[in-house]
Amino acid sequence: MKRFLFPVTIILVVFFVSCAATPIARETPPVISEPERPPRPPVPAYIMGTGLMQPTDMSSFLLVINPGADREFVEKLARLYVEEAAIEGVNHDIAFAQMSLETGFLRFGNLVTPEMYNFAGLGAISPEQHGLSFPDPRTGVRAHIQHLKAYGSDEPLMQELVNPRFRFVRRGSAPTIRGLAGTWAADPNYADKIHDILERLYDSV
């Protein structure tokens, strides 16, 4: 039996050496690509329509710009804009953007004060006429939506009128955001400012 030990030993050595020399195939890990971000939606032109943003999107956007605002109030306000705008067929994105412009993202500081719940500067003309006051946030939002609908459409209101200045608007005279410059506000750049806020809102999502 001893005469077979030497050849067997050689065979085993050769086998192990060849195994060691053979590279071990390694699986290439799959390349995980980042999901493409959906394109930003186009800024709406018409006041009447349906908004795209969720209340959480809107409140988060405002709180980034004005971190000092009361979070609970901002979240409630965003929900009110979605609810009230849906009833009248107004685009809530536009209404919320206009509110942000009119109130300085809820910083106020001009003629209108927070406790007036006048989120659209309705009737705020001068120190002698510093604007309308409403009893609660929902009524203030409803008045704003009604005023926008007055400009954007000649359709009747779906809810009881709460906006005393509704009757001063020529119905359907400004169906687009562009039409609000020189009508809602004398500022020729008024529509551009609302458009800019909408772009920033859509970019934030």
Protein backbone atom coordinates (compact mmCIF):
# COMPACT_ATOMS: atom_id res chain seq x y z
CA MET A 1 0.00 0.00 0.00
CA LYS A 2 2.87 2.42 0.69
CA ARG A 3 3.86 2.59 -2.99
CA PHE A 4 0.56 4.35 -3.81
CA LEU A 5 0.94 7.11 -1.22
CA PHE A 6 3.33 9.28 -3.25
CA PRO A 7 1.19 9.56 -6.44
CA VAL A 8 -1.97 10.17 -4.37
CA THR A 9 -0.24 12.94 -2.46
CA ILE A 10 0.84 14.61 -5.71
CA ILE A 11 -2.68 14.42 -7.08
CA LEU A 12 -4.15 16.03 -3.95
CA VAL A 13 -1.56 18.82 -3.96
CA VAL A 14 -2.24 19.57 -7.63
CA PHE A 15 -5.99 19.57 -6.97
CA PHE A 16 -5.80 22.07 -4.07
CA VAL A 17 -3.33 24.32 -5.92
CA SER A 18 -5.61 24.45 -8.95
CA CYS A 19 -8.59 25.25 -6.75
CA ALA A 20 -6.69 28.07 -5.09
CA ALA A 21 -5.63 29.47 -8.44
CA THR A 22 -9.14 29.43 -9.86
CA PRO A 23 -10.82 32.83 -9.23
CA ILE A 24 -14.13 32.69 -7.40
CA ALA A 25 -16.91 34.19 -9.44
CA ARG A 26 -18.55 37.05 -7.58
CA GLU A 27 -22.01 38.30 -8.36
CA THR A 28 -22.11 41.91 -9.44
CA PRO A 29 -24.57 43.76 -7.21
CA PRO A 30 -27.49 45.17 -9.16
CA VAL A 31 -27.35 48.88 -9.89
CA ILE A 32 -30.24 50.59 -8.15
CA SER A 33 -31.11 53.77 -9.94
CA GLU A 34 -32.81 56.66 -8.22
CA PRO A 35 -36.47 56.95 -9.21
CA GLU A 36 -37.04 59.82 -11.56
CA ARG A 37 -38.77 62.77 -9.98
CA PRO A 38 -42.06 63.42 -11.74
CA PRO A 39 -42.10 66.66 -13.70
CA ARG A 40 -43.49 69.66 -11.90
CA PRO A 41 -47.11 70.28 -12.88
CA PRO A 42 -47.75 73.40 -14.92
CA VAL A 43 -48.98 76.44 -13.05
CA PRO A 44 -52.75 76.72 -13.56
CA ALA A 45 -54.06 79.70 -15.47
CA TYR A 46 -57.76 79.59 -14.64
CA ILE A 47 -59.21 80.45 -11.24
CA MET A 48 -61.99 77.91 -11.57
CA GLY A 49 -60.81 74.32 -11.39
CA THR A 50 -59.36 71.76 -9.04
CA GLY A 51 -56.13 72.19 -7.10
CA LEU A 52 -53.39 69.56 -7.08
CA MET A 53 -51.81 70.05 -3.66
CA GLN A 54 -52.75 68.17 -0.50
CA PRO A 55 -53.31 70.19 2.69
CA THR A 56 -50.10 68.74 4.14
CA ASP A 57 -48.15 69.94 1.09
CA MET A 58 -49.55 73.44 1.44
CA SER A 59 -49.00 73.74 5.17
CA SER A 60 -45.45 72.36 4.97
CA PHE A 61 -44.63 74.85 2.21
CA LEU A 62 -45.86 77.81 4.23
CA LEU A 63 -44.10 76.68 7.40
CA VAL A 64 -40.76 76.46 5.60
CA ILE A 65 -41.11 80.09 4.54
CA ASN A 66 -42.57 81.23 7.84
CA PRO A 67 -41.34 78.81 10.53
CA GLY A 68 -42.71 81.11 13.21
CA ALA A 69 -46.31 80.46 12.18
CA ASP A 70 -48.48 78.29 14.42
CA ARG A 71 -48.34 74.80 12.90
CA GLU A 72 -51.76 73.70 14.10
CA PHE A 73 -53.39 76.83 12.70
CA VAL A 74 -51.59 76.55 9.35
CA GLU A 75 -52.61 72.91 8.95
CA LYS A 76 -56.22 73.79 9.77
CA LEU A 77 -56.15 76.72 7.34
CA ALA A 78 -54.86 74.54 4.51
CA ARG A 79 -57.70 72.07 5.06
CA LEU A 80 -60.23 74.91 5.06
CA TYR A 81 -58.95 76.18 1.72
CA VAL A 82 -59.28 72.74 0.15
CA GLU A 83 -62.79 72.22 1.54
CA GLU A 84 -64.22 75.65 0.79
CA ALA A 85 -62.68 75.88 -2.69
CA ALA A 86 -64.06 72.45 -3.65
CA ILE A 87 -67.60 73.55 -2.80
CA GLU A 88 -67.41 76.57 -5.13
CA GLY A 89 -65.27 74.96 -7.84
CA VAL A 90 -62.30 77.28 -7.25
CA ASN A 91 -58.71 76.04 -7.62
CA HIS A 92 -57.48 75.80 -4.02
CA ASP A 93 -53.82 76.02 -5.07
CA ILE A 94 -54.46 79.48 -6.49
CA ALA A 95 -56.47 80.58 -3.46
CA PHE A 96 -53.79 79.39 -1.04
CA ALA A 97 -51.04 81.09 -3.05
CA GLN A 98 -53.00 84.33 -3.11
CA MET A 99 -53.58 84.11 0.65
CA SER A 100 -49.83 83.64 1.12
CA LEU A 101 -49.16 86.76 -0.92
CA GLU A 102 -51.84 88.89 0.75
CA THR A 103 -50.82 87.97 4.31
CA GLY A 104 -47.06 87.75 3.78
CA PHE A 105 -47.25 84.02 4.50
CA LEU A 106 -49.35 84.75 7.60
CA ARG A 107 -46.93 87.35 8.93
CA PHE A 108 -49.51 90.10 8.24
CA GLY A 109 -48.01 93.42 9.36
CA ASN A 110 -49.98 95.76 7.08
CA LEU A 111 -53.55 96.98 7.38
CA VAL A 112 -54.97 93.53 8.12
CA THR A 113 -54.24 91.83 11.44
CA PRO A 114 -54.45 88.09 12.26
CA GLU A 115 -57.58 88.31 14.42
CA MET A 116 -59.55 89.76 11.47
CA TYR A 117 -59.40 86.39 9.64
CA ASN A 118 -59.27 88.38 6.41
CA PHE A 119 -56.91 86.24 4.38
CA ALA A 120 -57.34 88.12 1.10
CA GLY A 121 -57.05 91.75 2.12
CA LEU A 122 -60.73 92.32 1.36
CA GLY A 123 -61.59 95.99 1.76
CA ALA A 124 -58.10 96.90 2.97
CA ILE A 125 -57.63 100.22 1.23
CA SER A 126 -56.20 102.74 3.68
CA PRO A 127 -55.63 103.33 7.41
CA GLU A 128 -59.22 104.59 7.49
CA GLN A 129 -60.44 101.45 5.68
CA HIS A 130 -58.25 98.65 6.96
CA GLY A 131 -60.45 95.84 5.72
CA LEU A 132 -63.24 93.44 6.62
CA SER A 133 -63.27 91.25 9.72
CA PHE A 134 -64.79 87.78 9.97
CA PRO A 135 -65.84 85.83 13.05
CA ASP A 136 -63.68 82.75 12.47
CA PRO A 137 -61.10 81.29 10.03
CA ARG A 138 -63.65 79.27 8.00
CA THR A 139 -65.79 82.32 7.33
CA GLY A 140 -62.70 84.29 6.32
CA VAL A 141 -61.63 81.57 3.91
CA ARG A 142 -65.17 81.29 2.53
CA ALA A 143 -65.27 85.04 1.88
CA HIS A 144 -61.97 84.80 0.01
CA ILE A 145 -63.18 81.87 -2.12
CA GLN A 146 -66.41 83.70 -2.91
CA HIS A 147 -64.49 86.77 -4.04
CA LEU A 148 -62.28 84.66 -6.31
CA LYS A 149 -65.35 82.98 -7.77
CA ALA A 150 -66.89 86.38 -8.44
CA TYR A 151 -63.91 87.22 -10.66
CA GLY A 152 -63.51 83.77 -12.17
CA SER A 153 -67.07 82.80 -12.99
CA ASP A 154 -70.65 84.00 -13.38
CA GLU A 155 -72.02 80.81 -11.81
CA PRO A 156 -74.10 81.24 -8.63
CA LEU A 157 -72.60 80.64 -5.22
CA MET A 158 -73.20 77.25 -3.61
CA GLN A 159 -73.18 78.60 -0.06
CA GLU A 160 -74.69 81.55 1.74
CA LEU A 161 -72.95 84.81 0.88
CA VAL A 162 -70.60 85.96 3.65
CA ASN A 163 -68.55 88.45 1.64
CA PRO A 164 -70.02 91.99 1.69
CA ARG A 165 -67.77 93.03 -1.20
CA PHE A 166 -68.94 90.26 -3.52
CA ARG A 167 -71.49 92.60 -5.13
CA PHE A 168 -68.80 95.06 -6.21
CA VAL A 169 -67.17 92.57 -8.60
CA ARG A 170 -68.24 92.31 -12.21
CA ARG A 171 -68.95 88.61 -12.42
CA GLY A 172 -66.56 86.61 -14.60
CA SER A 173 -64.42 89.65 -15.37
CA ALA A 174 -61.10 87.89 -14.63
CA PRO A 175 -61.27 84.15 -15.30
CA THR A 176 -57.47 83.78 -15.17
CA ILE A 177 -54.78 84.71 -12.67
CA ARG A 178 -53.49 87.28 -15.16
CA GLY A 179 -56.80 89.07 -14.99
CA LEU A 180 -56.38 89.80 -11.28
CA ALA A 181 -53.65 92.37 -11.97
CA GLY A 182 -55.33 95.74 -12.25
CA THR A 183 -58.67 94.41 -11.00
CA TRP A 184 -58.22 92.70 -7.64
CA ALA A 185 -55.06 94.74 -7.04
CA ALA A 186 -53.62 97.81 -8.72
CA ASP A 187 -50.14 96.26 -8.69
CA PRO A 188 -49.26 95.39 -12.33
CA ASN A 189 -47.06 92.55 -11.05
CA TYR A 190 -49.79 91.08 -8.85
CA ALA A 191 -50.46 88.06 -11.10
CA ASP A 192 -46.73 87.39 -11.54
CA LYS A 193 -46.34 87.26 -7.75
CA ILE A 194 -49.12 84.68 -7.41
CA HIS A 195 -47.61 82.71 -10.28
CA ASP A 196 -44.21 82.74 -8.58
CA ILE A 197 -45.66 81.42 -5.31
CA LEU A 198 -47.43 78.63 -7.20
CA GLU A 199 -44.16 77.62 -8.88
CA ARG A 200 -42.42 77.49 -5.50
CA LEU A 201 -45.31 75.50 -4.03
CA TYR A 202 -45.13 72.90 -6.81
CA ASP A 203 -41.34 72.76 -6.58
CA SER A 204 -41.56 72.03 -2.85
CA VAL A 205 -43.33 68.69 -3.27
